[in-house]
């Protein structure tokens, strides 16, 4: 497929800004889902929404649409197809979103996220769909828009990957320069610990109390935290407890995480964290309940994988130098690969995702469109 023309680039920017202005924090994706579905239906495509919303506590489900190939439109049986995937939700908002162009880049006028994660990818995929309808490619396209990705990939995990017909797919959800190709992603565990002590007046009879906060503090102080090695990280993200400065706290909750590209390592560090939680509770004569959740599994992409070959050829063709990287984050690719569907996560050129100074340059947004169009051509060369 040829590179984007000026009209397509202009329309891409307009659609991106419109999508960003639609608030869609995870769990509240309805308005964004409706806008995306309307765009697809305007192109003459059927859109199917699954029941993932009810399953994950969101007000919308995952959207799936298909664009037929050139041969299929001519009456031939359905041939090979590829998947393009993006998520509809954002992290929670701290203010309104008003996209503006500043120094050749899109930013939010207010102190809040822009939503380029992942609406840059949504806009790109919709523009690719428009081109594919007008100029049908040799391969068909499946377009998947998921909900609640920012909530531990909940929407993609609830999606029935058996519905997909494609040979492989591409996710556009890594906020780094275009050219980076994610070939490994970690297994991710969340650890929640509820410490239970005994309340007492802190000034009159503190010896009668058992401090749950002290138990939690001792546990956290003993934990291995931060970057443990090139493959493994841990973090304690929240700690909440106590009812008043003059009360020995009888309850405290901490939430921690552990990630590693090596599943054996992450299991070992989770076990060590749990040991420290129990040691901290025992030292402060408190009880503790520990919950461990494996929120997503890691993966490694084979060097010979066809989706990797197609991606690197597309990047080269668009003037980028492909760079294979291992990521410490997860994406819908984790959920789809775990479900048995081969796909690849690509950097999308956005900057500072989840931060109030999030942005994406016009050059990167338009470059992502060129790469996505090239992915269709290079995938067709492999599959047809």
Protein backbone atom coordinates (compact mmCIF):
# COMPACT_ATOMS: atom_id res chain seq x y z
CA UNK A 1 0.00 0.00 0.00
CA UNK A 2 1.32 3.44 -0.90
CA UNK A 3 2.25 5.95 1.79
CA UNK A 4 -0.35 8.34 3.15
CA UNK A 5 -1.18 11.40 1.05
CA UNK A 6 -1.81 14.90 2.37
CA UNK A 7 -5.54 14.40 2.69
CA UNK A 8 -5.06 11.24 4.73
CA UNK A 9 -2.50 12.93 6.97
CA UNK A 10 -4.78 15.88 7.60
CA UNK A 11 -7.73 13.61 8.35
CA UNK A 12 -5.55 11.53 10.68
CA UNK A 13 -4.68 14.58 12.78
CA UNK A 14 -8.29 15.73 12.96
CA UNK A 15 -9.56 12.30 13.97
CA UNK A 16 -6.81 11.86 16.54
CA UNK A 17 -7.67 15.18 18.21
CA UNK A 18 -11.36 14.30 18.21
CA UNK A 19 -10.72 10.92 19.82
CA UNK A 20 -8.46 12.40 22.49
CA UNK A 21 -11.19 14.86 23.47
CA UNK A 22 -13.53 11.94 24.22
CA UNK A 23 -12.91 10.95 27.82
CA UNK A 24 -12.52 7.17 28.12
CA UNK A 25 -10.74 6.12 31.32
CA UNK A 26 -10.89 2.37 31.77
CA UNK A 27 -14.37 1.25 32.67
CA UNK A 28 -15.95 4.23 30.88
CA UNK A 29 -15.14 3.58 27.23
CA UNK A 30 -18.72 3.79 25.89
CA UNK A 31 -18.44 7.16 24.15
CA UNK A 32 -15.13 6.29 22.50
CA UNK A 33 -16.40 2.85 21.46
CA UNK A 34 -19.48 4.43 19.88
CA UNK A 35 -17.35 6.94 17.94
CA UNK A 36 -15.06 4.21 16.64
CA UNK A 37 -18.00 1.97 15.71
CA UNK A 38 -19.66 4.87 13.88
CA UNK A 39 -16.49 5.51 11.87
CA UNK A 40 -16.25 1.85 10.88
CA UNK A 41 -19.93 1.60 9.96
CA UNK A 42 -19.63 4.76 7.87
CA UNK A 43 -17.05 2.82 5.86
CA UNK A 44 -19.62 0.07 5.33
CA UNK A 45 -18.06 -2.37 7.79
CA UNK A 46 -19.91 -4.60 10.22
CA UNK A 47 -18.90 -4.08 13.84
CA UNK A 48 -19.46 -6.70 16.51
CA UNK A 49 -19.23 -5.82 20.20
CA UNK A 50 -18.63 -8.68 22.62
CA UNK A 51 -19.82 -8.99 26.22
CA UNK A 52 -16.45 -8.24 27.79
CA UNK A 53 -17.81 -5.05 29.33
CA UNK A 54 -20.03 -6.94 31.75
CA UNK A 55 -17.21 -9.34 32.55
CA UNK A 56 -14.64 -6.65 33.40
CA UNK A 57 -16.87 -3.94 34.85
CA UNK A 58 -16.76 -1.61 31.85
CA UNK A 59 -19.64 0.13 30.08
CA UNK A 60 -18.57 -1.16 26.65
CA UNK A 61 -17.18 -4.35 25.17
CA UNK A 62 -14.40 -5.09 22.70
CA UNK A 63 -15.11 -4.14 19.09
CA UNK A 64 -14.18 -6.37 16.15
CA UNK A 65 -14.55 -5.47 12.47
CA UNK A 66 -13.31 -7.09 9.28
CA UNK A 67 -12.21 -5.56 5.97
CA UNK A 68 -12.33 -8.08 3.10
CA UNK A 69 -9.40 -8.61 0.78
CA UNK A 70 -9.37 -7.80 -2.92
CA UNK A 71 -9.98 -11.44 -3.89
CA UNK A 72 -12.76 -11.88 -1.34
CA UNK A 73 -14.58 -8.87 -2.76
CA UNK A 74 -14.27 -10.48 -6.22
CA UNK A 75 -16.10 -13.56 -4.94
CA UNK A 76 -13.20 -15.79 -3.94
CA UNK A 77 -13.21 -17.61 -0.59
CA UNK A 78 -11.79 -15.65 2.33
CA UNK A 79 -8.00 -15.72 2.13
CA UNK A 80 -5.32 -14.75 4.63
CA UNK A 81 -5.76 -11.75 6.88
CA UNK A 82 -3.87 -9.86 9.58
CA UNK A 83 -5.00 -8.23 12.81
CA UNK A 84 -4.48 -4.60 13.84
CA UNK A 85 -5.21 -3.91 17.51
CA UNK A 86 -5.48 -0.86 19.79
CA UNK A 87 -7.22 -0.15 23.10
CA UNK A 88 -10.06 2.32 23.65
CA UNK A 89 -9.35 3.26 27.25
CA UNK A 90 -6.91 5.57 28.98
CA UNK A 91 -5.62 5.83 32.52
CA UNK A 92 -7.82 7.93 34.86
CA UNK A 93 -8.04 11.63 34.06
CA UNK A 94 -7.00 14.46 36.36
CA UNK A 95 -8.47 17.19 34.18
CA UNK A 96 -10.20 17.89 30.85
CA UNK A 97 -8.61 17.00 27.52
CA UNK A 98 -8.26 19.73 24.90
CA UNK A 99 -5.75 18.69 22.23
CA UNK A 100 -3.65 21.53 20.81
CA UNK A 101 -0.68 21.70 18.45
CA UNK A 102 2.45 23.05 20.13
CA UNK A 103 5.80 23.08 18.31
CA UNK A 104 4.60 20.55 15.72
CA UNK A 105 3.28 18.15 18.34
CA UNK A 106 -0.05 17.33 19.94
CA UNK A 107 -0.40 18.16 23.64
CA UNK A 108 -3.21 18.70 26.14
CA UNK A 109 -3.88 22.36 26.91
CA UNK A 110 -4.65 21.32 30.50
CA UNK A 111 -2.60 19.54 33.17
CA UNK A 112 -3.82 16.06 32.34
CA UNK A 113 -2.96 13.22 30.01
CA UNK A 114 -3.51 13.71 26.30
CA UNK A 115 -4.71 10.16 25.63
CA UNK A 116 -2.27 9.47 22.79
CA UNK A 117 -1.93 6.15 24.58
CA UNK A 118 -3.67 4.57 22.71
CA UNK A 119 -5.78 6.95 20.61
CA UNK A 120 -2.89 7.62 18.25
CA UNK A 121 -3.08 3.94 17.33
CA UNK A 122 -6.88 4.01 17.07
CA UNK A 123 -6.75 6.92 14.63
CA UNK A 124 -4.06 5.20 12.58
CA UNK A 125 -6.00 1.93 12.35
CA UNK A 126 -9.18 3.73 11.32
CA UNK A 127 -7.29 5.54 8.56
CA UNK A 128 -5.78 2.24 7.38
CA UNK A 129 -9.31 0.80 7.30
CA UNK A 130 -10.50 3.73 5.19
CA UNK A 131 -7.69 3.11 2.69
CA UNK A 132 -8.34 -0.65 2.65
CA UNK A 133 -12.01 -0.09 1.86
CA UNK A 134 -11.19 2.33 -0.97
CA UNK A 135 -8.23 0.32 -2.29
CA UNK A 136 -8.71 -3.32 -1.17
CA UNK A 137 -5.38 -4.98 -0.34
CA UNK A 138 -4.35 -8.58 -1.12
CA UNK A 139 -4.94 -9.56 2.52
CA UNK A 140 -7.99 -9.02 4.65
CA UNK A 141 -7.84 -6.98 7.85
CA UNK A 142 -9.29 -7.70 11.25
CA UNK A 143 -9.58 -4.63 13.49
CA UNK A 144 -9.79 -5.15 17.24
CA UNK A 145 -10.42 -2.33 19.71
CA UNK A 146 -10.25 -3.48 23.32
CA UNK A 147 -11.53 -2.06 26.60
CA UNK A 148 -9.83 -1.77 29.99
CA UNK A 149 -6.32 -2.43 28.75
CA UNK A 150 -5.05 -0.07 31.44
CA UNK A 151 -6.72 -2.31 34.02
CA UNK A 152 -4.34 -5.28 33.67
CA UNK A 153 -5.37 -6.01 30.06
CA UNK A 154 -8.85 -6.96 31.26
CA UNK A 155 -10.64 -6.48 27.95
CA UNK A 156 -8.16 -8.44 25.85
CA UNK A 157 -8.08 -11.24 28.43
CA UNK A 158 -11.89 -11.47 28.20
CA UNK A 159 -11.83 -11.49 24.38
CA UNK A 160 -12.36 -14.84 22.66
CA UNK A 161 -9.25 -15.07 20.46
CA UNK A 162 -10.77 -18.08 18.68
CA UNK A 163 -12.92 -15.58 16.79
CA UNK A 164 -9.85 -14.31 14.94
CA UNK A 165 -9.11 -15.65 11.46
CA UNK A 166 -5.82 -13.86 10.96
CA UNK A 167 -2.42 -15.47 10.60
CA UNK A 168 -0.90 -12.96 13.04
CA UNK A 169 -1.40 -9.45 14.28
CA UNK A 170 0.11 -6.16 15.37
CA UNK A 171 -0.50 -4.11 18.50
CA UNK A 172 0.59 -0.43 18.52
CA UNK A 173 1.08 0.20 22.21
CA UNK A 174 4.62 1.06 23.28
CA UNK A 175 5.36 4.72 24.01
CA UNK A 176 8.86 4.86 22.53
CA UNK A 177 10.33 6.02 19.19
CA UNK A 178 9.03 4.36 16.05
CA UNK A 179 11.38 1.56 15.05
CA UNK A 180 11.42 -0.27 18.37
CA UNK A 181 9.93 -3.75 18.16
CA UNK A 182 9.00 -5.48 21.41
CA UNK A 183 10.23 -9.05 21.26
CA UNK A 184 9.89 -9.87 24.98
CA UNK A 185 7.51 -8.78 27.72
CA UNK A 186 7.35 -9.79 31.39
CA UNK A 187 5.13 -11.91 33.56
CA UNK A 188 3.43 -9.61 36.04
CA UNK A 189 2.23 -10.42 39.56
CA UNK A 190 0.28 -8.16 41.93
CA UNK A 191 0.64 -8.81 45.67
CA UNK A 192 -1.89 -7.37 48.14
CA UNK A 193 -1.31 -7.70 51.88
CA UNK A 194 -3.84 -6.79 54.58
CA UNK A 195 -2.25 -6.44 58.01
CA UNK A 196 -4.51 -6.73 61.04
CA UNK A 197 -3.42 -5.53 64.45
CA UNK A 198 -5.16 -4.22 67.58
CA UNK A 199 -6.31 -0.62 68.04
CA UNK A 200 -5.48 1.28 71.25
CA UNK A 201 -5.14 4.85 72.48
CA UNK A 202 -1.69 5.97 71.37
CA UNK A 203 -1.12 8.24 74.36
CA UNK A 204 -2.79 6.36 77.23
CA UNK A 205 -2.24 2.64 76.53
CA UNK A 206 -0.10 2.13 73.41
CA UNK A 207 1.28 -1.13 74.88
CA UNK A 208 -2.19 -2.65 74.46
CA UNK A 209 -2.10 -2.01 70.71
CA UNK A 210 -0.56 -3.92 67.83
CA UNK A 211 0.40 -1.59 64.98
CA UNK A 212 -0.54 -2.86 61.53
CA UNK A 213 1.43 0.02 59.98
CA UNK A 214 4.55 -1.04 61.88
CA UNK A 215 4.10 -4.57 60.59
CA UNK A 216 3.77 -3.30 57.02
CA UNK A 217 6.76 -0.98 57.39
CA UNK A 218 8.99 -3.79 58.64
CA UNK A 219 7.91 -5.99 55.76
CA UNK A 220 8.52 -3.30 53.13
CA UNK A 221 11.91 -2.37 54.59
CA UNK A 222 13.10 -5.94 54.15
CA UNK A 223 11.86 -6.42 50.59
CA UNK A 224 14.09 -6.38 47.51
CA UNK A 225 12.72 -3.38 45.60
CA UNK A 226 13.50 -1.59 42.36
CA UNK A 227 15.46 -3.09 39.46
CA UNK A 228 16.83 -6.38 40.72
CA UNK A 229 18.53 -7.36 37.45
CA UNK A 230 18.19 -6.80 33.71
CA UNK A 231 14.99 -8.86 33.62
CA UNK A 232 13.32 -8.28 36.98
CA UNK A 233 11.71 -5.34 38.84
CA UNK A 234 9.62 -4.97 41.99
CA UNK A 235 7.72 -2.11 43.57
CA UNK A 236 5.48 -1.25 46.50
CA UNK A 237 3.01 1.19 45.00
CA UNK A 238 0.49 1.97 47.74
CA UNK A 239 0.22 1.77 51.51
CA UNK A 240 -2.96 2.74 53.35
CA UNK A 241 -3.85 2.41 57.01
CA UNK A 242 -4.73 4.02 60.29
CA UNK A 243 -7.71 6.04 61.46
CA UNK A 244 -6.16 8.85 63.47
CA UNK A 245 -2.86 10.16 64.77
CA UNK A 246 -3.78 9.21 68.35
CA UNK A 247 -4.81 5.62 67.57
CA UNK A 248 -2.50 2.63 67.24
CA UNK A 249 -3.54 1.46 63.75
CA UNK A 250 -5.28 -1.89 63.60
CA UNK A 251 -5.37 -2.15 59.79
CA UNK A 252 -3.00 -1.46 56.92
CA UNK A 253 -2.97 -2.55 53.29
CA UNK A 254 -0.04 -2.52 50.91
CA UNK A 255 -0.05 -3.28 47.20
CA UNK A 256 3.10 -4.43 45.46
CA UNK A 257 4.12 -5.83 42.12
CA UNK A 258 6.82 -8.03 40.66
CA UNK A 259 7.75 -8.39 36.98
CA UNK A 260 10.30 -10.44 35.13
CA UNK A 261 11.05 -11.66 31.64
CA UNK A 262 12.05 -14.91 33.36
CA UNK A 263 9.05 -16.65 34.91
CA UNK A 264 11.21 -18.61 37.31
CA UNK A 265 12.73 -15.40 38.66
CA UNK A 266 9.40 -13.69 39.19
CA UNK A 267 8.02 -16.70 41.06
CA UNK A 268 11.08 -16.69 43.30
CA UNK A 269 10.92 -12.97 44.09
CA UNK A 270 7.18 -13.17 44.80
CA UNK A 271 7.86 -15.97 47.26
CA UNK A 272 10.54 -13.83 48.93
CA UNK A 273 8.17 -10.86 49.20
CA UNK A 274 5.51 -13.07 50.78
CA UNK A 275 8.04 -14.34 53.32
CA UNK A 276 8.88 -10.74 54.29
CA UNK A 277 5.18 -9.92 54.65
CA UNK A 278 4.71 -12.76 57.13
CA UNK A 279 7.96 -11.91 58.94
CA UNK A 280 6.85 -8.28 59.32
CA UNK A 281 3.48 -9.34 60.68
CA UNK A 282 5.05 -11.76 63.17
CA UNK A 283 7.57 -9.18 64.37
CA UNK A 284 4.75 -6.74 65.19
CA UNK A 285 2.47 -9.48 66.57
CA UNK A 286 -0.10 -8.88 63.84
CA UNK A 287 -1.93 -11.08 61.36
CA UNK A 288 -1.68 -10.73 57.60
CA UNK A 289 -3.75 -11.95 54.64
CA UNK A 290 -1.83 -12.10 51.36
CA UNK A 291 -3.35 -12.29 47.88
CA UNK A 292 -1.23 -12.99 44.80
CA UNK A 293 -2.59 -12.43 41.29
CA UNK A 294 -0.79 -13.29 38.06
CA UNK A 295 -2.25 -10.45 35.97
CA UNK A 296 -0.54 -11.36 32.72
CA UNK A 297 2.04 -13.79 31.41
CA UNK A 298 5.20 -12.86 29.58
CA UNK A 299 6.36 -13.92 26.15
CA UNK A 300 9.30 -13.97 23.79
CA UNK A 301 8.88 -13.63 20.03
CA UNK A 302 10.79 -16.14 17.92
CA UNK A 303 13.42 -14.50 15.67
CA UNK A 304 11.90 -16.38 12.73
CA UNK A 305 8.31 -15.24 13.43
CA UNK A 306 6.61 -13.94 10.25
CA UNK A 307 5.06 -10.96 12.05
CA UNK A 308 8.56 -9.87 13.09
CA UNK A 309 9.83 -10.19 9.51
CA UNK A 310 6.88 -8.17 8.20
CA UNK A 311 7.35 -5.45 10.83
CA UNK A 312 11.07 -5.03 10.23
CA UNK A 313 10.56 -4.91 6.46
CA UNK A 314 7.83 -2.28 6.89
CA UNK A 315 10.01 -0.17 9.16
CA UNK A 316 12.97 -0.36 6.78
CA UNK A 317 10.70 0.60 3.89
CA UNK A 318 9.53 3.69 5.76
CA UNK A 319 13.04 4.82 6.62
CA UNK A 320 13.24 3.57 10.22
CA UNK A 321 15.94 1.36 11.67
CA UNK A 322 14.27 -1.58 13.46
CA UNK A 323 15.48 -2.20 17.00
CA UNK A 324 14.43 -5.31 18.91
CA UNK A 325 13.84 -4.59 22.59
CA UNK A 326 12.58 -6.28 25.74
CA UNK A 327 9.93 -4.29 27.57
CA UNK A 328 9.15 -4.08 31.26
CA UNK A 329 5.51 -3.31 30.47
CA UNK A 330 2.58 -5.31 29.23
CA UNK A 331 0.11 -4.77 26.39
CA UNK A 332 -2.78 -6.54 24.73
CA UNK A 333 -0.12 -8.59 22.95
CA UNK A 334 0.49 -10.40 26.25
CA UNK A 335 -3.15 -11.44 26.48
CA UNK A 336 -3.49 -12.42 22.83
CA UNK A 337 -0.26 -14.44 22.82
CA UNK A 338 -1.30 -16.18 26.04
CA UNK A 339 -4.55 -17.11 24.26
CA UNK A 340 -2.57 -18.70 21.44
CA UNK A 341 -2.73 -15.90 18.87
CA UNK A 342 0.66 -14.74 17.51
CA UNK A 343 1.17 -11.00 17.44
CA UNK A 344 3.77 -8.29 17.87
CA UNK A 345 3.75 -5.05 19.83
CA UNK A 346 5.31 -2.04 18.09
CA UNK A 347 6.48 1.34 19.36
CA UNK A 348 4.03 4.05 18.33
CA UNK A 349 6.17 7.18 18.70
CA UNK A 350 4.13 8.69 21.53
CA UNK A 351 5.93 10.32 24.44
CA UNK A 352 5.52 10.29 28.23
CA UNK A 353 2.45 8.06 28.40
CA UNK A 354 0.38 8.36 31.60
CA UNK A 355 1.95 11.76 32.41
CA UNK A 356 0.38 15.22 32.31
CA UNK A 357 2.93 16.28 29.68
CA UNK A 358 2.10 13.39 27.33
CA UNK A 359 2.49 14.28 23.65
CA UNK A 360 2.97 12.91 20.17
CA UNK A 361 4.65 14.78 17.34
CA UNK A 362 2.88 15.20 14.02
CA UNK A 363 5.85 13.49 12.37
CA UNK A 364 5.50 10.45 14.63
CA UNK A 365 1.72 10.24 14.21
CA UNK A 366 2.00 10.36 10.44
CA UNK A 367 4.99 8.03 10.51
CA UNK A 368 2.94 5.48 12.41
CA UNK A 369 0.33 5.61 9.65
CA UNK A 370 2.95 4.97 6.97
CA UNK A 371 4.33 2.03 8.95
CA UNK A 372 0.85 0.55 9.44
CA UNK A 373 0.12 0.82 5.71
CA UNK A 374 3.47 -0.81 4.97
CA UNK A 375 2.68 -3.61 7.43
CA UNK A 376 -0.30 -4.54 5.31
CA UNK A 377 1.85 -4.73 2.16
CA UNK A 378 4.68 -6.64 3.78
CA UNK A 379 2.30 -9.09 5.43
CA UNK A 380 0.62 -9.68 2.10
CA UNK A 381 4.00 -10.43 0.54
CA UNK A 382 4.53 -13.15 3.15
CA UNK A 383 1.03 -14.63 3.15
CA UNK A 384 -0.21 -14.36 -0.44
